[in-house]
């Protein structure tokens, strides 16, 4: 009986935590102000000038050491 009460308390606590996490996004929202948007745009422009491109997993594996070091 004690195990059943503990399990029920755990499920209730998990559901309450889940409800708080889901509701937090609806209550509190974040919007970038003009300074942040300008800084983000400057960063994107600098990346474009430097010919920046995101790497896919094959590029990452090709550029990192996946075999370790030889002694």
Protein backbone atom coordinates (compact mmCIF):
# COMPACT_ATOMS: atom_id res chain seq x y z
CA UNK A 1 0.00 0.00 0.00
CA UNK A 2 2.88 2.37 0.78
CA UNK A 3 4.43 1.73 -2.60
CA UNK A 4 1.13 2.54 -4.31
CA UNK A 5 0.85 5.84 -2.43
CA UNK A 6 4.46 6.70 -3.30
CA UNK A 7 3.88 5.89 -6.96
CA UNK A 8 0.69 7.95 -7.02
CA UNK A 9 2.48 10.88 -5.36
CA UNK A 10 5.27 10.63 -7.94
CA UNK A 11 2.80 10.64 -10.84
CA UNK A 12 0.92 13.62 -9.40
CA UNK A 13 4.16 15.52 -8.85
CA UNK A 14 5.29 14.73 -12.40
CA UNK A 15 1.99 15.94 -13.85
CA UNK A 16 2.13 19.16 -11.84
CA UNK A 17 5.70 19.78 -13.02
CA UNK A 18 4.70 19.08 -16.60
CA UNK A 19 1.73 21.48 -16.35
CA UNK A 20 3.97 24.22 -14.96
CA UNK A 21 6.52 23.71 -17.73
CA UNK A 22 3.84 23.84 -20.41
CA UNK A 23 2.10 26.89 -18.92
CA UNK A 24 5.32 28.85 -18.41
CA UNK A 25 5.72 29.37 -22.15
CA UNK A 26 2.24 30.84 -22.43
CA UNK A 27 2.59 33.18 -19.44
CA UNK A 28 6.15 34.42 -19.94
CA UNK A 29 7.28 35.37 -23.41
CA UNK A 30 10.54 36.82 -24.65
CA UNK A 31 10.89 39.19 -27.56
CA UNK A 32 14.15 40.56 -28.89
CA UNK A 33 14.53 44.31 -28.62
CA UNK A 34 15.91 46.48 -31.41
CA UNK A 35 19.52 46.35 -30.16
CA UNK A 36 19.50 42.54 -30.07
CA UNK A 37 17.96 42.30 -33.53
CA UNK A 38 20.61 44.70 -34.87
CA UNK A 39 23.42 42.68 -33.28
CA UNK A 40 21.98 39.47 -34.69
CA UNK A 41 21.83 40.99 -38.16
CA UNK A 42 25.45 42.22 -37.89
CA UNK A 43 26.52 38.70 -36.90
CA UNK A 44 24.68 37.17 -39.85
CA UNK A 45 26.21 39.71 -42.23
CA UNK A 46 29.72 39.00 -40.91
CA UNK A 47 29.16 35.27 -41.35
CA UNK A 48 27.99 35.77 -44.93
CA UNK A 49 31.07 37.85 -45.72
CA UNK A 50 33.32 35.13 -44.30
CA UNK A 51 31.53 32.53 -46.45
CA UNK A 52 30.21 30.73 -43.38
CA UNK A 53 28.13 27.64 -43.89
CA UNK A 54 26.77 25.16 -41.42
CA UNK A 55 28.43 21.79 -41.54
CA UNK A 56 26.48 18.59 -41.78
CA UNK A 57 27.48 15.47 -39.87
CA UNK A 58 29.74 14.21 -42.67
CA UNK A 59 31.69 17.49 -42.65
CA UNK A 60 32.04 17.35 -38.88
CA UNK A 61 33.36 13.79 -38.95
CA UNK A 62 35.77 14.69 -41.73
CA UNK A 63 37.22 17.65 -39.84
CA UNK A 64 37.57 16.19 -36.34
CA UNK A 65 39.81 13.41 -35.13
CA UNK A 66 37.62 10.36 -34.69
CA UNK A 67 40.46 7.85 -34.53
CA UNK A 68 42.37 9.34 -31.61
CA UNK A 69 46.07 9.94 -31.42
CA UNK A 70 48.85 7.54 -32.21
CA UNK A 71 51.62 7.43 -29.63
